[in-house]
Amino acid sequence: MKTLVNNKTNYIIEIMEGKGKYKVKLVAVKSGKDLTATVAGGEEPHIGAVAIAISRPSLKNPNKLSATSSVFTLVGHKEDKLARRAAEKITKATKETTVTVVGLHINKATSQDIESLVQNTQKAVSKLIEKLCNKKKTGEEDK
């Protein structure tokens, strides 16, 4: 994991998970109070689905934070669930508007291949959240 640009409100974080055809690269661009995260990997990275999530109080318990999201999936692609999950998870953790772009592909993928890409995506998203939340706790964003 590395931070490529770092100032008060704008920076880029790059995270890699997995090896070979299971490698996933997450690049997050922080722009003020918003975040865009692109997750690409496998043998043919691309854009498969785009999700946007905003934080809001939970409908069941207003003391808890939830998220509302919308997804656009390109025809023939199946990354919609991954894009939505990632956007909502990041938004709930950071309370910031998040856009995720996800595109993962392995030729003639087995269910095990797909599961490996999903797991690596989830690990990368968790590492991103940890990094973002640590920046907030330490006040690193405000330096």
C-alpha atoms as a PDB file:
ATOM      1  CA  MET A   1       0.000   0.000   0.000  1.00  0.00           C
ATOM      2  CA  LYS A   2       1.300   3.429  -0.822  1.00  0.00           C
ATOM      3  CA  THR A   3       0.101   6.989  -0.804  1.00  0.00           C
ATOM      4  CA  LEU A   4       1.062   8.699  -4.058  1.00  0.00           C
ATOM      5  CA  VAL A   5      -0.097  12.261  -3.421  1.00  0.00           C
ATOM      6  CA  ASN A   6      -0.630  13.593   0.053  1.00  0.00           C
ATOM      7  CA  ASN A   7      -1.927  16.977   1.122  1.00  0.00           C
ATOM      8  CA  LYS A   8      -4.781  18.322   3.223  1.00  0.00           C
ATOM      9  CA  THR A   9      -7.720  17.129   1.187  1.00  0.00           C
ATOM     10  CA  ASN A  10      -6.395  15.388  -1.902  1.00  0.00           C
ATOM     11  CA  TYR A  11      -4.379  12.218  -2.114  1.00  0.00           C
ATOM     12  CA  ILE A  12      -4.115   8.921  -3.968  1.00  0.00           C
ATOM     13  CA  ILE A  13      -3.802   5.550  -2.274  1.00  0.00           C
ATOM     14  CA  GLU A  14      -2.772   2.427  -4.184  1.00  0.00           C
ATOM     15  CA  ILE A  15      -3.326  -1.084  -2.780  1.00  0.00           C
ATOM     16  CA  MET A  16      -2.452  -4.431  -4.387  1.00  0.00           C
ATOM     17  CA  GLU A  17      -3.837  -7.810  -3.293  1.00  0.00           C
ATOM     18  CA  GLY A  18      -3.156 -11.267  -4.699  1.00  0.00           C
ATOM     19  CA  LYS A  19      -0.763 -12.621  -7.283  1.00  0.00           C
ATOM     20  CA  GLY A  20      -0.826 -13.621 -10.920  1.00  0.00           C
ATOM     21  CA  LYS A  21      -4.263 -13.732 -12.496  1.00  0.00           C
ATOM     22  CA  TYR A  22      -5.799 -13.137  -9.052  1.00  0.00           C
ATOM     23  CA  LYS A  23      -4.051  -9.784  -8.568  1.00  0.00           C
ATOM     24  CA  VAL A  24      -6.362  -6.900  -7.791  1.00  0.00           C
ATOM     25  CA  LYS A  25      -5.277  -3.257  -7.804  1.00  0.00           C
ATOM     26  CA  LEU A  26      -7.297  -0.653  -5.942  1.00  0.00           C
ATOM     27  CA  VAL A  27      -6.542   2.997  -6.609  1.00  0.00           C
ATOM     28  CA  ALA A  28      -8.418   5.489  -4.439  1.00  0.00           C
ATOM     29  CA  VAL A  29      -8.477   9.192  -5.182  1.00  0.00           C
ATOM     30  CA  LYS A  30      -9.530  11.422  -2.299  1.00  0.00           C
ATOM     31  CA  SER A  31     -10.950  14.720  -3.521  1.00  0.00           C
ATOM     32  CA  GLY A  32     -12.002  16.900  -0.614  1.00  0.00           C
ATOM     33  CA  LYS A  33     -14.740  15.031   1.234  1.00  0.00           C
ATOM     34  CA  ASP A  34     -15.383  12.585  -1.599  1.00  0.00           C
ATOM     35  CA  LEU A  35     -13.621   9.412  -2.682  1.00  0.00           C
ATOM     36  CA  THR A  36     -13.361   7.509  -5.951  1.00  0.00           C
ATOM     37  CA  ALA A  37     -12.020   3.946  -5.787  1.00  0.00           C
ATOM     38  CA  THR A  38     -11.196   1.892  -8.865  1.00  0.00           C
ATOM     39  CA  VAL A  39     -10.739  -1.853  -8.468  1.00  0.00           C
ATOM     40  CA  ALA A  40      -9.307  -3.629 -11.495  1.00  0.00           C
ATOM     41  CA  GLY A  41      -7.746  -7.013 -11.892  1.00  0.00           C
ATOM     42  CA  GLY A  42      -7.564 -10.476 -13.286  1.00  0.00           C
ATOM     43  CA  GLU A  43      -6.326 -11.061 -16.803  1.00  0.00           C
ATOM     44  CA  GLU A  44      -8.341  -8.251 -18.411  1.00  0.00           C
ATOM     45  CA  PRO A  45      -9.021  -5.234 -16.160  1.00  0.00           C
ATOM     46  CA  HIS A  46     -11.889  -3.081 -17.406  1.00  0.00           C
ATOM     47  CA  ILE A  47     -14.958  -1.158 -16.262  1.00  0.00           C
ATOM     48  CA  GLY A  48     -17.758  -3.575 -15.424  1.00  0.00           C
ATOM     49  CA  ALA A  49     -19.864  -1.651 -12.908  1.00  0.00           C
ATOM     50  CA  VAL A  50     -19.949   1.726 -11.208  1.00  0.00           C
ATOM     51  CA  ALA A  51     -21.588   2.413  -7.842  1.00  0.00           C
ATOM     52  CA  ILE A  52     -22.104   5.548  -5.807  1.00  0.00           C
ATOM     53  CA  ALA A  53     -22.991   5.537  -2.111  1.00  0.00           C
ATOM     54  CA  ILE A  54     -23.890   8.267   0.345  1.00  0.00           C
ATOM     55  CA  SER A  55     -24.131   7.911   4.113  1.00  0.00           C
ATOM     56  CA  ARG A  56     -27.382   8.419   5.980  1.00  0.00           C
ATOM     57  CA  PRO A  57     -28.961   7.454   9.310  1.00  0.00           C
ATOM     58  CA  SER A  58     -30.279   3.883   9.347  1.00  0.00           C
ATOM     59  CA  LEU A  59     -34.015   3.604   8.713  1.00  0.00           C
ATOM     60  CA  LYS A  60     -34.332   1.006  11.502  1.00  0.00           C
ATOM     61  CA  ASN A  61     -32.133   2.818  14.020  1.00  0.00           C
ATOM     62  CA  PRO A  62     -31.357   6.497  13.365  1.00  0.00           C
ATOM     63  CA  ASN A  63     -28.409   6.253  15.790  1.00  0.00           C
ATOM     64  CA  LYS A  64     -26.646   3.894  13.354  1.00  0.00           C
ATOM     65  CA  LEU A  65     -25.073   4.838  10.054  1.00  0.00           C
ATOM     66  CA  SER A  66     -26.198   3.240   6.803  1.00  0.00           C
ATOM     67  CA  ALA A  67     -25.785   4.028   3.118  1.00  0.00           C
ATOM     68  CA  THR A  68     -27.885   4.516   0.039  1.00  0.00           C
ATOM     69  CA  SER A  69     -26.382   3.455  -3.269  1.00  0.00           C
ATOM     70  CA  SER A  70     -27.030   3.324  -6.975  1.00  0.00           C
ATOM     71  CA  VAL A  71     -25.273   1.078  -9.488  1.00  0.00           C
ATOM     72  CA  PHE A  72     -24.731   1.161 -13.229  1.00  0.00           C
ATOM     73  CA  THR A  73     -23.650  -2.170 -14.703  1.00  0.00           C
ATOM     74  CA  LEU A  74     -22.310  -2.450 -18.219  1.00  0.00           C
ATOM     75  CA  VAL A  75     -24.136  -4.968 -20.399  1.00  0.00           C
ATOM     76  CA  GLY A  76     -22.815  -8.482 -19.924  1.00  0.00           C
ATOM     77  CA  HIS A  77     -20.893  -7.711 -16.729  1.00  0.00           C
ATOM     78  CA  LYS A  78     -21.442  -9.009 -13.229  1.00  0.00           C
ATOM     79  CA  GLU A  79     -19.426  -6.692 -10.986  1.00  0.00           C
ATOM     80  CA  ASP A  80     -22.532  -4.847  -9.713  1.00  0.00           C
ATOM     81  CA  LYS A  81     -22.678  -6.568  -6.310  1.00  0.00           C
ATOM     82  CA  LEU A  82     -18.967  -6.030  -5.705  1.00  0.00           C
ATOM     83  CA  ALA A  83     -19.156  -2.362  -6.684  1.00  0.00           C
ATOM     84  CA  ARG A  84     -22.206  -1.759  -4.456  1.00  0.00           C
ATOM     85  CA  ARG A  85     -20.742  -3.616  -1.458  1.00  0.00           C
ATOM     86  CA  ALA A  86     -17.448  -1.755  -1.723  1.00  0.00           C
ATOM     87  CA  ALA A  87     -19.061   1.682  -2.095  1.00  0.00           C
ATOM     88  CA  GLU A  88     -21.439   1.117   0.819  1.00  0.00           C
ATOM     89  CA  LYS A  89     -18.746  -0.325   3.088  1.00  0.00           C
ATOM     90  CA  ILE A  90     -16.372   2.573   2.432  1.00  0.00           C
ATOM     91  CA  THR A  91     -19.158   5.137   2.870  1.00  0.00           C
ATOM     92  CA  LYS A  92     -20.364   3.644   6.161  1.00  0.00           C
ATOM     93  CA  ALA A  93     -16.806   3.670   7.526  1.00  0.00           C
ATOM     94  CA  THR A  94     -15.864   7.179   6.343  1.00  0.00           C
ATOM     95  CA  LYS A  95     -19.252   8.951   6.230  1.00  0.00           C
ATOM     96  CA  GLU A  96     -18.201  10.305   2.844  1.00  0.00           C
ATOM     97  CA  THR A  97     -19.686  10.020  -0.626  1.00  0.00           C
ATOM     98  CA  THR A  98     -17.930   7.183  -2.449  1.00  0.00           C
ATOM     99  CA  VAL A  99     -17.849   6.123  -6.089  1.00  0.00           C
ATOM    100  CA  THR A 100     -16.464   2.698  -6.941  1.00  0.00           C
ATOM    101  CA  VAL A 101     -15.543   1.411 -10.377  1.00  0.00           C
ATOM    102  CA  VAL A 102     -14.981  -2.344 -10.573  1.00  0.00           C
ATOM    103  CA  GLY A 103     -13.727  -4.472 -13.462  1.00  0.00           C
ATOM    104  CA  LEU A 104     -12.311  -7.959 -12.954  1.00  0.00           C
ATOM    105  CA  HIS A 105     -11.958 -10.699 -15.546  1.00  0.00           C
ATOM    106  CA  ILE A 106     -10.336 -14.108 -15.929  1.00  0.00           C
ATOM    107  CA  ASN A 107     -10.871 -15.999 -19.177  1.00  0.00           C
ATOM    108  CA  LYS A 108     -12.987 -19.129 -18.679  1.00  0.00           C
ATOM    109  CA  ALA A 109     -13.123 -18.403 -14.938  1.00  0.00           C
ATOM    110  CA  THR A 110     -14.142 -21.142 -12.543  1.00  0.00           C
ATOM    111  CA  SER A 111     -16.178 -20.391  -9.425  1.00  0.00           C
ATOM    112  CA  GLN A 112     -12.917 -20.735  -7.481  1.00  0.00           C
ATOM    113  CA  ASP A 113     -11.235 -18.130  -9.739  1.00  0.00           C
ATOM    114  CA  ILE A 114     -14.100 -15.723  -9.158  1.00  0.00           C
ATOM    115  CA  GLU A 115     -14.025 -16.309  -5.401  1.00  0.00           C
ATOM    116  CA  SER A 116     -10.291 -15.522  -5.332  1.00  0.00           C
ATOM    117  CA  LEU A 117     -10.882 -12.202  -7.110  1.00  0.00           C
ATOM    118  CA  VAL A 118     -13.785 -11.377  -4.782  1.00  0.00           C
ATOM    119  CA  GLN A 119     -11.695 -12.169  -1.682  1.00  0.00           C
ATOM    120  CA  ASN A 120      -8.781 -10.054  -2.920  1.00  0.00           C
ATOM    121  CA  THR A 121     -11.163  -7.192  -3.678  1.00  0.00           C
ATOM    122  CA  GLN A 122     -12.635  -7.380  -0.188  1.00  0.00           C
ATOM    123  CA  LYS A 123      -9.155  -7.443   1.383  1.00  0.00           C
ATOM    124  CA  ALA A 124      -8.106  -4.395  -0.634  1.00  0.00           C
ATOM    125  CA  VAL A 125     -11.273  -2.502   0.356  1.00  0.00           C
ATOM    126  CA  SER A 126     -10.708  -3.361   4.043  1.00  0.00           C
ATOM    127  CA  LYS A 127      -7.110  -2.108   3.842  1.00  0.00           C
ATOM    128  CA  LEU A 128      -8.313   1.102   2.213  1.00  0.00           C
ATOM    129  CA  ILE A 129     -10.865   1.682   4.969  1.00  0.00           C
ATOM    130  CA  GLU A 130      -8.224   1.066   7.613  1.00  0.00           C
ATOM    131  CA  LYS A 131      -5.907   3.582   5.948  1.00  0.00           C
ATOM    132  CA  LEU A 132      -8.654   6.199   5.559  1.00  0.00           C
ATOM    133  CA  CYS A 133      -9.883   5.821   9.132  1.00  0.00           C
ATOM    134  CA  ASN A 134      -6.319   6.006  10.498  1.00  0.00           C
ATOM    135  CA  LYS A 135      -5.772   9.236   8.540  1.00  0.00           C
ATOM    136  CA  LYS A 136      -8.879  10.696  10.190  1.00  0.00           C
ATOM    137  CA  LYS A 137      -7.909   9.530  13.702  1.00  0.00           C
ATOM    138  CA  THR A 138      -4.380  10.883  13.492  1.00  0.00           C
ATOM    139  CA  GLY A 139      -5.459  14.081  11.798  1.00  0.00           C
ATOM    140  CA  GLU A 140      -3.120  13.274   8.917  1.00  0.00           C
ATOM    141  CA  GLU A 141      -5.687  14.714   6.488  1.00  0.00           C
ATOM    142  CA  ASP A 142      -5.415  18.083   8.192  1.00  0.00           C
ATOM    143  CA  LYS A 143      -1.634  18.388   7.996  1.00  0.00           C
END
